[in-house]
Amino acid sequence: MMAFSAYSYLTSPDMAQAFHHLGFPDYFRIELAIAKIIGGFLLIIPFTGRLKEWVYAGFTINFISASIAHLASGDPVSAGMTPLIVLAVLLTSYVTYHRRQKETAPLATTPLSV
């Protein structure tokens, strides 16, 4: 989803017009596209750590802000709800990621019984 939207941000004149409709400058569209590409790669690369948490947080803020921007600009409610639906998918990914981390945690971290 992030790669598709980033591609659209960089190549679609309609998307550039949509950003102008929402009141955002053109450089923000390009900056957001680059951030989505980097964040998407960081989510699919198999590593753990604080950086992955920041990517999830950044995408969460992005989706909430997109919803607010669409609703504040007078777009239909469906345009404001779409980012929240994608946010639900992101939250599912986040929960699944943490469950998997717990399942694959090394046994050395658990107390040993004698």
Protein backbone atom coordinates (compact mmCIF):
# COMPACT_ATOMS: atom_id res chain seq x y z
CA MET A 1 0.00 0.00 0.00
CA MET A 2 2.79 2.41 0.89
CA ALA A 3 4.74 1.65 -2.29
CA PHE A 4 1.64 2.09 -4.44
CA SER A 5 0.71 5.42 -2.88
CA ALA A 6 4.31 6.66 -3.08
CA TYR A 7 4.43 5.75 -6.77
CA SER A 8 1.15 7.60 -7.32
CA TYR A 9 2.43 10.64 -5.44
CA LEU A 10 5.45 10.84 -7.74
CA THR A 11 3.82 10.05 -11.09
CA SER A 12 0.14 11.00 -11.08
CA PRO A 13 -0.92 14.55 -11.98
CA ASP A 14 -4.27 13.78 -10.32
CA MET A 15 -2.49 13.04 -7.06
CA ALA A 16 -0.57 16.32 -7.31
CA GLN A 17 -3.90 18.09 -7.78
CA ALA A 18 -5.36 16.25 -4.78
CA PHE A 19 -2.51 17.52 -2.59
CA HIS A 20 -3.18 21.06 -3.79
CA HIS A 21 -6.90 20.56 -3.05
CA LEU A 22 -6.00 19.58 0.51
CA GLY A 23 -3.85 22.70 0.84
CA PHE A 24 -0.43 21.04 0.90
CA PRO A 25 2.59 22.37 -0.99
CA ASP A 26 4.05 20.27 -3.81
CA TYR A 27 7.29 19.54 -1.95
CA PHE A 28 5.30 17.82 0.82
CA ARG A 29 3.93 15.29 -1.68
CA ILE A 30 7.46 14.37 -2.76
CA GLU A 31 8.76 14.28 0.81
CA LEU A 32 5.88 12.03 1.87
CA ALA A 33 6.46 9.70 -1.07
CA ILE A 34 10.12 9.27 -0.15
CA ALA A 35 9.23 8.66 3.50
CA LYS A 36 6.66 6.03 2.50
CA ILE A 37 9.18 4.20 0.32
CA ILE A 38 11.80 4.16 3.08
CA GLY A 39 9.25 3.19 5.73
CA GLY A 40 7.81 0.41 3.59
CA PHE A 41 11.26 -1.11 3.12
CA LEU A 42 11.97 -0.84 6.83
CA LEU A 43 8.78 -2.72 7.67
CA ILE A 44 9.49 -5.64 5.35
CA ILE A 45 13.20 -5.98 6.18
CA PRO A 46 13.60 -8.63 8.90
CA PHE A 47 15.09 -6.80 11.85
CA THR A 48 13.88 -5.78 15.26
CA GLY A 49 14.40 -2.61 17.18
CA ARG A 50 13.23 0.83 17.94
CA LEU A 51 13.45 2.00 14.32
CA LYS A 52 10.64 -0.36 13.27
CA GLU A 53 8.49 1.03 16.09
CA TRP A 54 9.08 4.56 14.77
CA VAL A 55 8.02 3.49 11.28
CA TYR A 56 4.76 2.11 12.65
CA ALA A 57 4.25 5.34 14.60
CA GLY A 58 4.98 7.47 11.55
CA PHE A 59 2.55 5.56 9.37
CA THR A 60 -0.10 5.80 12.10
CA ILE A 61 0.30 9.57 12.26
CA ASN A 62 0.20 9.71 8.45
CA PHE A 63 -3.11 7.84 8.22
CA ILE A 64 -4.77 9.82 11.00
CA SER A 65 -3.56 13.09 9.45
CA ALA A 66 -4.81 12.04 6.01
CA SER A 67 -8.24 11.32 7.44
CA ILE A 68 -8.37 14.70 9.18
CA ALA A 69 -7.16 16.51 6.03
CA HIS A 70 -9.87 14.93 3.87
CA LEU A 71 -12.63 15.63 6.36
CA ALA A 72 -11.45 19.22 7.00
CA SER A 73 -11.31 20.01 3.28
CA GLY A 74 -14.94 19.03 2.74
CA ASP A 75 -14.28 15.73 0.97
CA PRO A 76 -16.88 12.98 1.31
CA VAL A 77 -16.82 10.96 4.52
CA SER A 78 -15.66 7.93 2.52
CA ALA A 79 -12.44 9.80 1.63
CA GLY A 80 -11.83 10.42 5.34
CA MET A 81 -12.60 6.83 6.30
CA THR A 82 -10.30 5.17 3.75
CA PRO A 83 -7.08 6.08 5.62
CA LEU A 84 -8.63 4.77 8.83
CA ILE A 85 -9.41 1.44 7.17
CA VAL A 86 -5.80 1.18 6.01
CA LEU A 87 -4.77 2.13 9.56
CA ALA A 88 -6.68 -0.93 10.80
CA VAL A 89 -4.59 -3.08 8.44
CA LEU A 90 -1.42 -1.41 9.77
CA LEU A 91 -2.48 -2.08 13.37
CA THR A 92 -3.12 -5.72 12.49
CA SER A 93 0.41 -5.87 11.08
CA TYR A 94 1.78 -4.29 14.24
CA VAL A 95 0.03 -6.76 16.55
CA THR A 96 1.06 -9.70 14.37
CA TYR A 97 4.67 -8.47 14.32
CA HIS A 98 4.79 -8.33 18.13
CA ARG A 99 3.14 -11.74 18.54
CA ARG A 100 5.71 -13.23 16.20
CA GLN A 101 8.53 -11.54 18.10
CA LYS A 102 7.30 -13.13 21.33
CA GLU A 103 7.08 -16.55 19.72
CA THR A 104 10.62 -16.36 18.35
CA ALA A 105 12.20 -14.80 21.43
CA PRO A 106 15.28 -16.70 22.55
CA LEU A 107 14.73 -19.12 25.41
CA ALA A 108 17.76 -17.70 27.22
CA THR A 109 15.66 -14.75 28.39
CA THR A 110 13.33 -16.95 30.40
CA PRO A 111 14.26 -17.88 33.97
CA LEU A 112 15.72 -21.32 34.38
CA SER A 113 14.06 -23.76 36.73
CA VAL A 114 16.24 -25.99 38.86
